[in-house]
Amino acid sequence: MKLALLGGSFNPLHIGHAMLAETVVTELGYDTVLFVPAFIPPHKTFADAPSAQDRFNMTLSFCRNSAHFEATDCEIARGGVSYTFDTVQFIIDKFKGILTEKPALIMGQENAAEFDKWHRANELVHIANIIIARRSESERVIDTAAFENKPTGSYTGGFDKGELVFPHAHVLLENPLLPISSTDVRARIASGKSWRYLVPERVFQYIIKHKLYGYR
């Protein structure tokens, strides 16, 4: 089995995440994309987030709609800071004998730009294949400042680096650039603006049912 990991806050999961995962399956031939919601991200603080269980439940409800997508709460169950190296090692051990090659790690170019700051980064590139997805910062049509996650420590968010230089072996994914972010979704929900088709149907229904992100 060819397995790729897509980690993140998924706060909430939106159609950009869905399209990215579908591209990895369709264009790179992966059997499964495993969505991994973080418990405590090591490089940012949440501006506005429901419980980790809610974020996982939204992600899981979306994955149930696809034969190629799965979700794991391994980082939530592990607790503490969610280091990707620990997660990849966990997945390697869990799927030992099933994986046909090293698991792949999907990351956006803004994360790749600061990869050298990751926990055990030099070891991580030896146990996982790297897939870098193109990303762009969209122009905001509404004020999202109050809803943006804040980089911590020496992290900048990665979009101020100019052209990406990634010194490790990787695949650059030719994924479509969708001008959408979880920050924008949260801001739209809280502001009472349109957001219906920015998230998958099951995520939309979950947010409404549980009145997340200030939904009224």
C-alpha atoms as a PDB file:
ATOM      1  CA  MET A   1       0.000   0.000   0.000  1.00  0.00           C
ATOM      2  CA  LYS A   2       1.204   3.496  -0.901  1.00  0.00           C
ATOM      3  CA  LEU A   3       0.275   5.751   1.987  1.00  0.00           C
ATOM      4  CA  ALA A   4       0.559   9.533   2.281  1.00  0.00           C
ATOM      5  CA  LEU A   5       0.042  11.567   5.456  1.00  0.00           C
ATOM      6  CA  LEU A   6      -1.678  14.933   5.471  1.00  0.00           C
ATOM      7  CA  GLY A   7      -1.370  16.596   8.850  1.00  0.00           C
ATOM      8  CA  GLY A   8      -2.760  19.880  10.039  1.00  0.00           C
ATOM      9  CA  SER A   9      -5.090  21.637  12.411  1.00  0.00           C
ATOM     10  CA  PHE A  10      -8.119  21.023  10.138  1.00  0.00           C
ATOM     11  CA  ASN A  11      -9.786  23.940  11.858  1.00  0.00           C
ATOM     12  CA  PRO A  12     -11.920  23.256   9.894  1.00  0.00           C
ATOM     13  CA  LEU A  13     -11.108  20.913   7.016  1.00  0.00           C
ATOM     14  CA  HIS A  14     -12.053  22.689   3.771  1.00  0.00           C
ATOM     15  CA  ILE A  15     -12.277  21.929   0.051  1.00  0.00           C
ATOM     16  CA  GLY A  16      -8.636  22.902  -0.464  1.00  0.00           C
ATOM     17  CA  HIS A  17      -7.585  20.025   1.811  1.00  0.00           C
ATOM     18  CA  ALA A  18      -9.960  17.695  -0.029  1.00  0.00           C
ATOM     19  CA  MET A  19      -8.634  18.723  -3.452  1.00  0.00           C
ATOM     20  CA  LEU A  20      -5.033  18.333  -2.296  1.00  0.00           C
ATOM     21  CA  ALA A  21      -5.649  14.795  -1.059  1.00  0.00           C
ATOM     22  CA  GLU A  22      -7.507  13.867  -4.244  1.00  0.00           C
ATOM     23  CA  THR A  23      -4.598  15.161  -6.346  1.00  0.00           C
ATOM     24  CA  VAL A  24      -2.115  12.984  -4.456  1.00  0.00           C
ATOM     25  CA  VAL A  25      -4.295   9.905  -5.030  1.00  0.00           C
ATOM     26  CA  THR A  26      -5.112  10.588  -8.680  1.00  0.00           C
ATOM     27  CA  GLU A  27      -1.858  12.041  -9.977  1.00  0.00           C
ATOM     28  CA  LEU A  28       0.765  10.337  -7.809  1.00  0.00           C
ATOM     29  CA  GLY A  29      -0.924   6.955  -7.491  1.00  0.00           C
ATOM     30  CA  TYR A  30      -1.276   6.763  -3.716  1.00  0.00           C
ATOM     31  CA  ASP A  31      -3.773   4.262  -2.381  1.00  0.00           C
ATOM     32  CA  THR A  32      -4.612   6.153   0.788  1.00  0.00           C
ATOM     33  CA  VAL A  33      -4.243   9.639   2.195  1.00  0.00           C
ATOM     34  CA  LEU A  34      -4.297   9.554   5.986  1.00  0.00           C
ATOM     35  CA  PHE A  35      -5.545  12.791   7.570  1.00  0.00           C
ATOM     36  CA  VAL A  36      -3.849  13.521  10.905  1.00  0.00           C
ATOM     37  CA  PRO A  37      -5.380  16.327  12.993  1.00  0.00           C
ATOM     38  CA  ALA A  38      -2.798  17.840  15.333  1.00  0.00           C
ATOM     39  CA  PHE A  39      -3.376  18.013  19.076  1.00  0.00           C
ATOM     40  CA  ILE A  40      -0.975  20.875  19.856  1.00  0.00           C
ATOM     41  CA  PRO A  41       0.831  22.219  16.754  1.00  0.00           C
ATOM     42  CA  PRO A  42       4.511  22.876  17.517  1.00  0.00           C
ATOM     43  CA  HIS A  43       4.763  26.043  15.436  1.00  0.00           C
ATOM     44  CA  LYS A  44       1.555  28.015  15.977  1.00  0.00           C
ATOM     45  CA  THR A  45      -1.109  28.837  18.519  1.00  0.00           C
ATOM     46  CA  PHE A  46      -4.805  28.578  17.763  1.00  0.00           C
ATOM     47  CA  ALA A  47      -6.704  31.846  17.444  1.00  0.00           C
ATOM     48  CA  ASP A  48     -10.085  30.169  17.625  1.00  0.00           C
ATOM     49  CA  ALA A  49     -10.581  26.414  17.733  1.00  0.00           C
ATOM     50  CA  PRO A  50     -13.136  23.910  18.932  1.00  0.00           C
ATOM     51  CA  SER A  51     -11.969  20.872  20.878  1.00  0.00           C
ATOM     52  CA  ALA A  52      -9.457  18.485  19.364  1.00  0.00           C
ATOM     53  CA  GLN A  53     -12.217  15.879  19.353  1.00  0.00           C
ATOM     54  CA  ASP A  54     -14.474  18.143  17.289  1.00  0.00           C
ATOM     55  CA  ARG A  55     -11.691  18.752  14.771  1.00  0.00           C
ATOM     56  CA  PHE A  56     -11.090  15.010  14.514  1.00  0.00           C
ATOM     57  CA  ASN A  57     -14.800  14.227  14.210  1.00  0.00           C
ATOM     58  CA  MET A  58     -15.170  16.706  11.344  1.00  0.00           C
ATOM     59  CA  THR A  59     -12.180  15.165   9.592  1.00  0.00           C
ATOM     60  CA  LEU A  60     -13.384  11.615  10.168  1.00  0.00           C
ATOM     61  CA  SER A  61     -16.880  12.409   8.886  1.00  0.00           C
ATOM     62  CA  PHE A  62     -15.376  13.719   5.655  1.00  0.00           C
ATOM     63  CA  CYS A  63     -13.090  10.709   5.171  1.00  0.00           C
ATOM     64  CA  ARG A  64     -15.978   8.275   5.517  1.00  0.00           C
ATOM     65  CA  ASN A  65     -17.183   9.518   2.148  1.00  0.00           C
ATOM     66  CA  SER A  66     -14.116   8.237   0.248  1.00  0.00           C
ATOM     67  CA  ALA A  67     -12.467   4.879  -0.352  1.00  0.00           C
ATOM     68  CA  HIS A  68      -9.056   6.577  -0.459  1.00  0.00           C
ATOM     69  CA  PHE A  69      -9.201   8.839   2.610  1.00  0.00           C
ATOM     70  CA  GLU A  70      -8.809   7.821   6.243  1.00  0.00           C
ATOM     71  CA  ALA A  71      -8.359   9.744   9.489  1.00  0.00           C
ATOM     72  CA  THR A  72      -6.387   8.951  12.627  1.00  0.00           C
ATOM     73  CA  ASP A  73      -6.500  10.538  16.063  1.00  0.00           C
ATOM     74  CA  CYS A  74      -3.018   9.281  16.934  1.00  0.00           C
ATOM     75  CA  GLU A  75      -1.676  12.770  17.737  1.00  0.00           C
ATOM     76  CA  ILE A  76      -4.701  13.569  19.885  1.00  0.00           C
ATOM     77  CA  ALA A  77      -4.409  10.246  21.712  1.00  0.00           C
ATOM     78  CA  ARG A  78      -0.662  10.781  22.217  1.00  0.00           C
ATOM     79  CA  GLY A  79      -1.225  14.213  23.724  1.00  0.00           C
ATOM     80  CA  GLY A  80       1.401  16.911  24.140  1.00  0.00           C
ATOM     81  CA  VAL A  81       3.044  18.704  21.239  1.00  0.00           C
ATOM     82  CA  SER A  82       2.329  16.954  17.922  1.00  0.00           C
ATOM     83  CA  TYR A  83       5.716  16.320  16.328  1.00  0.00           C
ATOM     84  CA  THR A  84       5.525  14.947  12.794  1.00  0.00           C
ATOM     85  CA  PHE A  85       8.570  12.709  13.258  1.00  0.00           C
ATOM     86  CA  ASP A  86       6.792  10.826  16.069  1.00  0.00           C
ATOM     87  CA  THR A  87       3.656  10.466  13.951  1.00  0.00           C
ATOM     88  CA  VAL A  88       5.490   9.127  10.909  1.00  0.00           C
ATOM     89  CA  GLN A  89       7.357   6.627  13.068  1.00  0.00           C
ATOM     90  CA  PHE A  90       4.054   5.537  14.630  1.00  0.00           C
ATOM     91  CA  ILE A  91       2.522   5.006  11.179  1.00  0.00           C
ATOM     92  CA  ILE A  92       5.544   3.016   9.986  1.00  0.00           C
ATOM     93  CA  ASP A  93       5.229   0.711  12.982  1.00  0.00           C
ATOM     94  CA  LYS A  94       1.446   0.420  12.681  1.00  0.00           C
ATOM     95  CA  PHE A  95       1.484  -0.487   8.992  1.00  0.00           C
ATOM     96  CA  LYS A  96       4.625  -2.617   9.037  1.00  0.00           C
ATOM     97  CA  GLY A  97       4.353  -5.328   6.399  1.00  0.00           C
ATOM     98  CA  ILE A  98       1.604  -3.446   4.550  1.00  0.00           C
ATOM     99  CA  LEU A  99       3.467  -0.424   3.212  1.00  0.00           C
ATOM    100  CA  THR A 100       5.115  -0.999  -0.152  1.00  0.00           C
ATOM    101  CA  GLU A 101       7.412   2.016   0.304  1.00  0.00           C
ATOM    102  CA  LYS A 102       8.142   4.755   2.812  1.00  0.00           C
ATOM    103  CA  PRO A 103       5.060   6.754   3.776  1.00  0.00           C
ATOM    104  CA  ALA A 104       4.855  10.141   2.112  1.00  0.00           C
ATOM    105  CA  LEU A 105       4.480  13.375   4.002  1.00  0.00           C
ATOM    106  CA  ILE A 106       2.419  16.077   2.299  1.00  0.00           C
ATOM    107  CA  MET A 107       3.310  19.639   3.230  1.00  0.00           C
ATOM    108  CA  GLY A 108       2.528  23.054   1.848  1.00  0.00           C
ATOM    109  CA  GLN A 109       5.317  25.162   0.443  1.00  0.00           C
ATOM    110  CA  GLU A 110       4.982  27.589   3.375  1.00  0.00           C
ATOM    111  CA  ASN A 111       5.845  24.730   5.733  1.00  0.00           C
ATOM    112  CA  ALA A 112       8.616  23.469   3.461  1.00  0.00           C
ATOM    113  CA  ALA A 113      10.177  26.942   3.580  1.00  0.00           C
ATOM    114  CA  GLU A 114      10.727  26.509   7.321  1.00  0.00           C
ATOM    115  CA  PHE A 115      11.302  22.771   7.367  1.00  0.00           C
ATOM    116  CA  ASP A 116      14.771  23.183   8.870  1.00  0.00           C
ATOM    117  CA  LYS A 117      13.063  24.329  12.098  1.00  0.00           C
ATOM    118  CA  TRP A 118      11.018  21.136  12.430  1.00  0.00           C
ATOM    119  CA  HIS A 119      11.673  18.633  15.199  1.00  0.00           C
ATOM    120  CA  ARG A 120      14.228  16.037  13.954  1.00  0.00           C
ATOM    121  CA  ALA A 121      13.899  17.343  10.396  1.00  0.00           C
ATOM    122  CA  ASN A 122      17.112  15.706   9.146  1.00  0.00           C
ATOM    123  CA  GLU A 123      15.886  12.323  10.348  1.00  0.00           C
ATOM    124  CA  LEU A 124      12.366  12.830   9.058  1.00  0.00           C
ATOM    125  CA  VAL A 125      13.476  13.104   5.423  1.00  0.00           C
ATOM    126  CA  HIS A 126      15.051   9.633   5.718  1.00  0.00           C
ATOM    127  CA  ILE A 127      11.922   7.858   6.965  1.00  0.00           C
ATOM    128  CA  ALA A 128       9.362   9.608   4.741  1.00  0.00           C
ATOM    129  CA  ASN A 129       9.052  10.676   1.140  1.00  0.00           C
ATOM    130  CA  ILE A 130       8.280  14.375   0.823  1.00  0.00           C
ATOM    131  CA  ILE A 131       5.467  15.820  -1.292  1.00  0.00           C
ATOM    132  CA  ILE A 132       5.349  19.621  -1.453  1.00  0.00           C
ATOM    133  CA  ALA A 133       2.060  21.230  -2.447  1.00  0.00           C
ATOM    134  CA  ARG A 134       1.979  24.624  -4.079  1.00  0.00           C
ATOM    135  CA  ARG A 135       0.379  27.276  -1.902  1.00  0.00           C
ATOM    136  CA  SER A 136      -0.370  30.951  -2.211  1.00  0.00           C
ATOM    137  CA  GLU A 137      -1.686  33.525   0.179  1.00  0.00           C
ATOM    138  CA  SER A 138      -4.991  34.765  -1.133  1.00  0.00           C
ATOM    139  CA  GLU A 139      -6.071  38.363  -0.977  1.00  0.00           C
ATOM    140  CA  ARG A 140      -8.520  38.752   1.886  1.00  0.00           C
ATOM    141  CA  VAL A 141     -11.932  40.133   1.088  1.00  0.00           C
ATOM    142  CA  ILE A 142     -12.889  40.337   4.770  1.00  0.00           C
ATOM    143  CA  ASP A 143     -10.896  41.133   7.895  1.00  0.00           C
ATOM    144  CA  THR A 144      -9.514  37.829   9.250  1.00  0.00           C
ATOM    145  CA  ALA A 145      -6.953  39.198  11.724  1.00  0.00           C
ATOM    146  CA  ALA A 146      -8.850  38.023  14.794  1.00  0.00           C
ATOM    147  CA  PHE A 147      -9.116  34.485  13.414  1.00  0.00           C
ATOM    148  CA  GLU A 148      -5.534  33.882  12.281  1.00  0.00           C
ATOM    149  CA  ASN A 149      -3.340  31.339  14.045  1.00  0.00           C
ATOM    150  CA  LYS A 150      -0.112  32.908  15.284  1.00  0.00           C
ATOM    151  CA  PRO A 151       3.351  31.470  14.482  1.00  0.00           C
ATOM    152  CA  THR A 152       5.406  30.679  17.578  1.00  0.00           C
ATOM    153  CA  GLY A 153       9.122  30.905  18.286  1.00  0.00           C
ATOM    154  CA  SER A 154      11.216  31.495  15.187  1.00  0.00           C
ATOM    155  CA  TYR A 155       8.461  30.506  12.768  1.00  0.00           C
ATOM    156  CA  THR A 156       7.158  33.181  10.412  1.00  0.00           C
ATOM    157  CA  GLY A 157       4.396  31.320   8.588  1.00  0.00           C
ATOM    158  CA  GLY A 158       6.624  30.665   5.590  1.00  0.00           C
ATOM    159  CA  PHE A 159       5.075  33.007   3.033  1.00  0.00           C
ATOM    160  CA  ASP A 160       7.772  35.674   3.363  1.00  0.00           C
ATOM    161  CA  LYS A 161      10.578  33.496   2.018  1.00  0.00           C
ATOM    162  CA  GLY A 162      10.292  34.211  -1.703  1.00  0.00           C
ATOM    163  CA  GLU A 163      11.163  31.339  -4.018  1.00  0.00           C
ATOM    164  CA  LEU A 164      11.185  27.989  -2.248  1.00  0.00           C
ATOM    165  CA  VAL A 165      14.533  26.305  -1.728  1.00  0.00           C
ATOM    166  CA  PHE A 166      14.127  22.790  -0.306  1.00  0.00           C
ATOM    167  CA  PRO A 167      17.450  20.926  -0.132  1.00  0.00           C
ATOM    168  CA  HIS A 168      16.011  17.424   0.339  1.00  0.00           C
ATOM    169  CA  ALA A 169      14.588  14.978  -2.198  1.00  0.00           C
ATOM    170  CA  HIS A 170      10.927  15.744  -2.812  1.00  0.00           C
ATOM    171  CA  VAL A 171       8.057  15.740  -5.294  1.00  0.00           C
ATOM    172  CA  LEU A 172       6.527  19.111  -6.157  1.00  0.00           C
ATOM    173  CA  LEU A 173       2.818  18.532  -6.607  1.00  0.00           C
ATOM    174  CA  GLU A 174       1.051  20.307  -9.467  1.00  0.00           C
ATOM    175  CA  ASN A 175      -2.050  20.855  -7.402  1.00  0.00           C
ATOM    176  CA  PRO A 176      -4.649  23.512  -8.234  1.00  0.00           C
ATOM    177  CA  LEU A 177      -4.280  26.711  -6.219  1.00  0.00           C
ATOM    178  CA  LEU A 178      -7.542  27.405  -4.446  1.00  0.00           C
ATOM    179  CA  PRO A 179      -7.798  30.802  -2.706  1.00  0.00           C
ATOM    180  CA  ILE A 180      -9.224  29.402   0.527  1.00  0.00           C
ATOM    181  CA  SER A 181      -7.986  28.874   4.066  1.00  0.00           C
ATOM    182  CA  SER A 182      -9.408  27.671   7.355  1.00  0.00           C
ATOM    183  CA  THR A 183      -8.863  31.191   8.683  1.00  0.00           C
ATOM    184  CA  ASP A 184     -11.131  32.601   5.998  1.00  0.00           C
ATOM    185  CA  VAL A 185     -13.782  29.956   6.684  1.00  0.00           C
ATOM    186  CA  ARG A 186     -13.765  30.718  10.420  1.00  0.00           C
ATOM    187  CA  ALA A 187     -13.975  34.452   9.786  1.00  0.00           C
ATOM    188  CA  ARG A 188     -16.867  34.028   7.362  1.00  0.00           C
ATOM    189  CA  ILE A 189     -18.843  31.848   9.757  1.00  0.00           C
ATOM    190  CA  ALA A 190     -18.353  34.243  12.677  1.00  0.00           C
ATOM    191  CA  SER A 191     -19.200  37.254  10.489  1.00  0.00           C
ATOM    192  CA  GLY A 192     -22.369  35.720   9.098  1.00  0.00           C
ATOM    193  CA  LYS A 193     -21.023  35.717   5.542  1.00  0.00           C
ATOM    194  CA  SER A 194     -21.380  33.002   2.916  1.00  0.00           C
ATOM    195  CA  TRP A 195     -19.244  29.880   3.499  1.00  0.00           C
ATOM    196  CA  ARG A 196     -21.521  26.979   2.537  1.00  0.00           C
ATOM    197  CA  TYR A 197     -19.444  25.605  -0.355  1.00  0.00           C
ATOM    198  CA  LEU A 198     -15.989  26.207   1.110  1.00  0.00           C
ATOM    199  CA  VAL A 199     -16.163  22.995   3.138  1.00  0.00           C
ATOM    200  CA  PRO A 200     -17.292  19.440   2.305  1.00  0.00           C
ATOM    201  CA  GLU A 201     -20.940  18.632   2.978  1.00  0.00           C
ATOM    202  CA  ARG A 202     -20.330  16.514   6.075  1.00  0.00           C
ATOM    203  CA  VAL A 203     -18.077  19.165   7.613  1.00  0.00           C
ATOM    204  CA  PHE A 204     -20.741  21.787   6.873  1.00  0.00           C
ATOM    205  CA  GLN A 205     -23.396  19.720   8.626  1.00  0.00           C
ATOM    206  CA  TYR A 206     -21.152  19.076  11.650  1.00  0.00           C
ATOM    207  CA  ILE A 207     -20.379  22.777  12.123  1.00  0.00           C
ATOM    208  CA  ILE A 208     -24.075  23.647  11.972  1.00  0.00           C
ATOM    209  CA  LYS A 209     -25.116  20.852  14.324  1.00  0.00           C
ATOM    210  CA  HIS A 210     -22.521  21.747  16.961  1.00  0.00           C
ATOM    211  CA  LYS A 211     -22.641  25.528  16.349  1.00  0.00           C
ATOM    212  CA  LEU A 212     -18.891  25.859  15.923  1.00  0.00           C
ATOM    213  CA  TYR A 213     -16.955  29.033  15.082  1.00  0.00           C
ATOM    214  CA  GLY A 214     -19.749  31.315  16.243  1.00  0.00           C
ATOM    215  CA  TYR A 215     -22.315  29.866  13.842  1.00  0.00           C
ATOM    216  CA  ARG A 216     -25.746  31.379  14.477  1.00  0.00           C
END
